[in-house]
Protein backbone atom coordinates (compact mmCIF):
# COMPACT_ATOMS: atom_id res chain seq x y z
CA MET A 1 -37.37 -7.96 -52.77
CA SER A 2 -36.80 -6.59 -48.80
CA LYS A 3 -33.81 -5.96 -46.87
CA LEU A 4 -32.50 -8.72 -44.14
CA GLU A 5 -33.51 -7.85 -41.19
CA GLN A 6 -30.21 -7.38 -38.63
CA ILE A 7 -29.98 -10.01 -37.21
CA LEU A 8 -27.25 -9.18 -33.67
CA ILE A 9 -29.08 -8.54 -30.98
CA LEU A 10 -27.42 -4.92 -30.31
CA ASP A 11 -26.82 -3.44 -26.76
CA PRO A 12 -27.91 -0.70 -26.32
CA PRO A 13 -30.45 -0.58 -29.49
CA ASN A 14 -31.01 3.05 -30.47
CA ASP A 15 -29.15 5.44 -28.86
CA LEU A 16 -25.29 5.76 -27.57
CA LYS A 17 -24.58 8.05 -24.79
CA PHE A 18 -22.01 10.00 -23.79
CA LYS A 19 -21.68 11.73 -20.86
CA GLY A 20 -19.02 14.51 -20.33
CA PRO A 21 -17.46 16.96 -19.29
CA PHE A 22 -16.32 15.94 -23.01
CA THR A 23 -12.18 17.73 -21.43
CA ASP A 24 -11.59 14.05 -21.55
CA VAL A 25 -11.87 10.53 -23.70
CA VAL A 26 -15.21 9.37 -22.91
CA THR A 27 -15.89 5.89 -23.74
CA THR A 28 -19.44 3.83 -23.98
CA ASN A 29 -19.54 -0.25 -24.60
CA LEU A 30 -21.81 -1.41 -27.12
CA LYS A 31 -23.06 -5.40 -26.98
CA LEU A 32 -23.18 -7.10 -30.71
CA LYS A 33 -25.10 -10.45 -29.28
CA ASN A 34 -25.37 -13.85 -32.26
CA PRO A 35 -28.09 -15.29 -31.06
CA SER A 36 -28.31 -16.58 -34.62
CA ASP A 37 -26.30 -20.82 -36.22
CA ARG A 38 -23.65 -18.65 -37.90
CA LYS A 39 -21.23 -17.30 -37.56
CA VAL A 40 -21.80 -13.41 -38.66
CA CYS A 41 -19.41 -10.55 -39.75
CA PHE A 42 -19.93 -6.80 -38.82
CA LYS A 43 -17.93 -3.67 -38.88
CA VAL A 44 -19.02 -0.35 -37.16
CA LYS A 45 -19.23 3.00 -38.86
CA THR A 46 -19.73 6.87 -38.29
CA THR A 47 -20.56 10.40 -39.65
CA ALA A 48 -18.08 11.69 -37.53
CA PRO A 49 -14.84 9.04 -37.96
CA ARG A 50 -12.23 11.87 -36.45
CA ARG A 51 -14.15 12.60 -33.29
CA TYR A 52 -14.13 8.48 -32.59
CA CYS A 53 -12.10 5.51 -31.78
CA VAL A 54 -13.41 2.53 -32.04
CA ARG A 55 -12.12 -0.95 -31.08
CA PRO A 56 -12.72 -3.18 -32.40
CA ASN A 57 -14.23 -1.70 -35.10
CA SER A 58 -14.74 -5.28 -37.54
CA GLY A 59 -14.57 -9.25 -37.36
CA ILE A 60 -16.30 -12.01 -36.60
CA ILE A 61 -18.64 -13.22 -34.00
CA ASP A 62 -19.04 -16.63 -33.03
CA PRO A 63 -22.35 -18.28 -32.86
CA GLY A 64 -24.45 -17.71 -29.25
CA THR A 65 -21.44 -15.20 -28.61
CA THR A 66 -21.46 -11.84 -27.35
CA VAL A 67 -18.64 -9.01 -28.56
CA VAL A 68 -18.63 -5.47 -26.84
CA VAL A 69 -17.70 -2.77 -28.90
CA SER A 70 -15.17 0.17 -27.04
CA VAL A 71 -16.81 3.88 -28.86
CA MET A 72 -14.32 6.58 -26.95
CA LEU A 73 -15.57 10.19 -27.40
CA GLN A 74 -12.40 12.89 -27.98
CA PRO A 75 -12.36 15.67 -26.54
CA PHE A 76 -14.36 18.90 -27.53
CA ASP A 77 -15.79 22.09 -26.44
CA TYR A 78 -18.73 21.27 -26.42
CA ASP A 79 -22.30 23.65 -26.63
CA PRO A 80 -24.83 21.60 -24.82
CA ASN A 81 -26.48 24.79 -27.58
CA GLU A 82 -26.10 22.04 -30.79
CA LYS A 83 -27.83 19.47 -30.81
CA SER A 84 -25.52 16.24 -32.06
CA LYS A 85 -25.82 14.55 -35.33
CA HIS A 86 -23.40 12.36 -34.57
CA LYS A 87 -24.20 8.76 -35.48
CA PHE A 88 -22.89 4.94 -35.86
CA MET A 89 -23.94 2.10 -38.09
CA VAL A 90 -23.86 -1.94 -37.53
CA GLN A 91 -23.27 -3.39 -40.36
CA THR A 92 -23.36 -6.73 -40.62
CA ILE A 93 -23.31 -10.28 -43.29
CA PHE A 94 -23.98 -13.97 -42.38
CA ALA A 95 -19.36 -14.81 -43.27
CA PRO A 96 -19.27 -17.51 -45.89
CA PRO A 97 -17.94 -21.13 -44.94
CA ASN A 98 -13.89 -21.02 -45.09
CA ILE A 99 -13.22 -17.51 -45.32
CA THR A 100 -10.18 -15.82 -45.55
CA ASP A 101 -10.00 -12.33 -46.51
CA MET A 102 -12.86 -10.05 -44.95
CA GLU A 103 -11.49 -7.32 -47.44
CA ALA A 104 -12.40 -9.65 -49.83
CA VAL A 105 -15.52 -10.49 -47.95
CA TRP A 106 -17.34 -6.78 -47.58
CA LYS A 107 -15.97 -6.23 -51.74
CA ASP A 108 -17.97 -8.53 -52.93
CA ALA A 109 -21.08 -8.58 -51.00
CA LYS A 110 -24.56 -8.52 -52.39
CA SER A 111 -26.74 -5.25 -50.97
CA ASP A 112 -29.37 -7.66 -49.95
CA ASP A 113 -27.50 -9.84 -47.73
CA LEU A 114 -26.25 -6.82 -45.83
CA MET A 115 -27.71 -5.86 -42.80
CA ASP A 116 -27.87 -2.90 -40.84
CA SER A 117 -28.72 -1.10 -37.19
CA LYS A 118 -27.96 2.75 -37.01
CA LEU A 119 -27.66 4.50 -33.18
CA ARG A 120 -27.65 7.80 -32.35
CA CYS A 121 -25.58 9.78 -30.45
CA ILE A 122 -26.58 11.31 -27.24
CA PHE A 123 -24.31 13.96 -25.29
CA GLU A 124 -25.13 14.25 -21.71
CA LEU A 125 -23.28 16.60 -18.58
CA PRO A 126 -23.42 14.88 -15.36
CA SER A 127 -26.54 16.49 -12.74
CA GLU A 128 -26.23 18.97 -9.44
CA ASN A 129 -26.12 16.03 -7.57
CA GLU A 130 -23.17 14.03 -9.75
CA LYS A 131 -21.14 17.36 -9.41
CA VAL A 132 -21.48 17.03 -5.80
CA ASN A 133 -21.21 13.91 -5.38
CA ASP A 134 -17.57 13.65 -7.75
CA ILE A 135 -16.11 17.11 -5.82
CA GLU A 136 -17.47 15.45 -2.12
CA PRO A 137 -14.51 13.14 -2.47
CA SER A 138 -11.69 14.94 -3.68
CA LYS A 139 -12.73 17.32 -0.60
CA ALA A 140 -12.59 14.51 2.02
CA THR A 141 -9.30 14.19 0.91
CA PRO A 142 -6.76 16.95 1.87
CA VAL A 143 -9.34 17.10 5.89
CA LEU A 144 -8.08 13.02 6.06
CA ASN A 145 -4.48 13.43 4.86
CA SER A 146 -4.56 17.04 7.58
CA SER A 147 -5.64 15.27 10.40
CA LYS A 148 -2.96 12.61 9.67
CA GLN A 149 -0.06 15.34 9.83
CA ASP A 150 -1.86 16.17 13.69
CA GLY A 151 -1.31 13.52 15.33
CA PRO A 152 0.94 10.92 15.08
CA SER A 153 2.27 9.03 11.95
CA MET A 154 1.76 5.32 12.52
CA PRO A 155 3.59 3.34 10.49
CA LYS A 156 2.64 1.01 7.33
CA PRO A 157 2.63 -2.53 8.43
CA THR A 158 3.55 -4.15 5.45
CA SER A 159 6.98 -1.56 5.31
CA MET A 160 7.98 -0.80 9.25
CA SER A 161 6.99 -4.47 10.58
CA LEU A 162 9.60 -7.08 11.46
CA ASP A 163 10.24 -9.95 10.38
CA ASP A 164 10.31 -13.20 12.88
CA THR A 165 14.30 -14.38 12.28
CA GLU A 166 14.73 -9.68 13.69
CA MET A 167 12.06 -9.87 16.23
CA ARG A 168 13.89 -12.82 17.89
CA LYS A 169 17.20 -11.46 17.08
CA LEU A 170 15.44 -8.17 19.11
CA VAL A 171 14.88 -10.48 22.39
CA GLU A 172 17.98 -12.67 22.97
CA GLU A 173 19.39 -8.81 22.57
CA CYS A 174 17.00 -7.25 25.33
CA LYS A 175 17.68 -10.60 27.59
CA ARG A 176 21.27 -10.44 27.40
CA LEU A 177 21.20 -7.18 28.10
CA GLN A 178 18.84 -7.41 30.98
CA SER A 179 21.52 -10.41 32.51
CA GLU A 180 24.31 -8.23 32.12
CA VAL A 181 21.93 -5.17 34.54
CA VAL A 182 21.35 -8.03 36.88
CA LYS A 183 24.90 -9.08 36.91
CA LEU A 184 26.46 -6.03 37.44
CA SER A 185 23.93 -4.86 40.02
CA ASP A 186 25.63 -8.47 42.23
CA GLU A 187 28.61 -7.65 41.97
CA ASN A 188 27.85 -3.68 43.11
CA ARG A 189 26.29 -5.12 46.14
CA GLN A 190 29.29 -7.51 46.02
CA LEU A 191 31.61 -4.78 46.21
CA LYS A 192 29.85 -2.78 48.88
CA ASP A 193 29.35 -5.18 51.92
CA GLU A 194 33.34 -6.64 50.98
CA GLY A 195 33.83 -2.52 52.01
CA LEU A 196 31.87 -2.62 54.79
CA ARG A 197 33.26 -5.93 56.26
CA MET A 198 37.07 -4.75 55.50
CA ARG A 199 36.09 -0.93 57.42
CA LYS A 200 34.79 -3.50 60.55
CA VAL A 201 37.57 -5.72 60.81
CA THR A 202 39.42 -1.56 60.22
CA ARG A 203 37.66 -0.92 63.35
CA GLN A 204 37.53 -3.88 65.77
CA ASP A 205 41.87 -3.25 65.40
CA ASN A 206 41.55 -0.16 66.21
CA MET A 207 41.43 -1.74 69.70
CA VAL A 208 43.90 -3.46 70.14
CA PRO A 209 46.70 -0.85 70.07
CA ASN A 210 44.33 0.74 72.35
CA THR A 211 44.51 -2.13 74.60
CA GLY A 212 48.19 -2.50 74.55
CA GLY A 213 48.62 0.67 75.23
CA LEU A 214 47.24 -0.01 79.16
CA MET A 215 50.29 -3.06 79.48
CA GLY A 216 53.05 -0.74 80.15
CA ARG A 217 56.19 -0.36 78.81
CA ASP A 218 57.11 -3.60 79.40
CA ASN A 219 54.91 -4.53 76.55
CA SER A 220 55.47 -2.02 74.56
CA SER A 221 58.76 -3.79 72.39
CA ASN A 222 56.52 -6.91 71.74
CA SER A 223 53.28 -5.32 70.36
CA LEU A 224 55.57 -2.85 67.83
CA PRO A 225 54.82 -5.39 64.65
CA SER A 226 51.75 -5.50 65.59
CA LEU A 227 51.16 -2.49 65.28
CA LEU A 228 52.75 -2.27 61.91
CA VAL A 229 50.33 -4.80 60.69
CA VAL A 230 47.57 -2.97 62.61
CA ILE A 231 48.47 0.39 61.06
CA ALA A 232 49.24 -1.02 57.57
CA ALA A 233 46.15 -2.47 57.88
CA ILE A 234 43.57 0.29 59.30
CA PHE A 235 45.55 1.84 55.33
CA ILE A 236 44.20 -0.36 53.53
CA GLY A 237 40.70 -1.00 54.63
CA PHE A 238 40.33 3.52 54.59
CA PHE A 239 41.23 3.53 51.30
CA LEU A 240 39.11 0.26 49.73
CA GLY A 241 36.72 2.16 51.79
CA LYS A 242 36.30 5.28 50.17
CA PHE A 243 36.96 4.07 46.59
CA ILE A 244 34.47 1.53 46.95
CA LEU A 245 31.93 3.37 48.43
């Protein structure tokens, strides 16, 4: 009896390609599609189990669905002159009804019921153009950072912006300060006007004793209290004008 043909559709169908550099984990995906109307059990095997990590490495695929298997190659010292001999095999079998134990399914499976597909592992190094493209963005980063340092630093909108409540408080505070400034300016102007008025009154009062002196000695005794008032007003006006102006 001939062996059953693989029921799953594999993507990629023949080769698993891993692109270096291989100084870090390199991952490639394998898609397993079940086009049948039955559930299919699958298992992924490799000839180098210590070099790869496969997730998931087994399971059940429902009819008409696809499972993505991640194959992760561990870091190693790559030798371009050495050809890869690593291989993978996807082994499948139609799931029996009311399956409860996957291990029992594979243990009791007959060789005629098994289906399998083999894939080769291919290691590739990035081309020169890809290396340049990978390097250029990393070189551009310091340039952008230096340009930001040369110019004025702009605050980040998310961290430096004020919310509406704080903004309203600042606006109200500015208005209050402006009104205080206007009020102080008005008071200063009024004080200056008052000082000027007092100085004018003082000058007018200075004319009184000179005129009174021409009236003769007969009226000197009567004008003495007025003279004292005028002198007091002169001193008051002088000091007021000095401190205000």
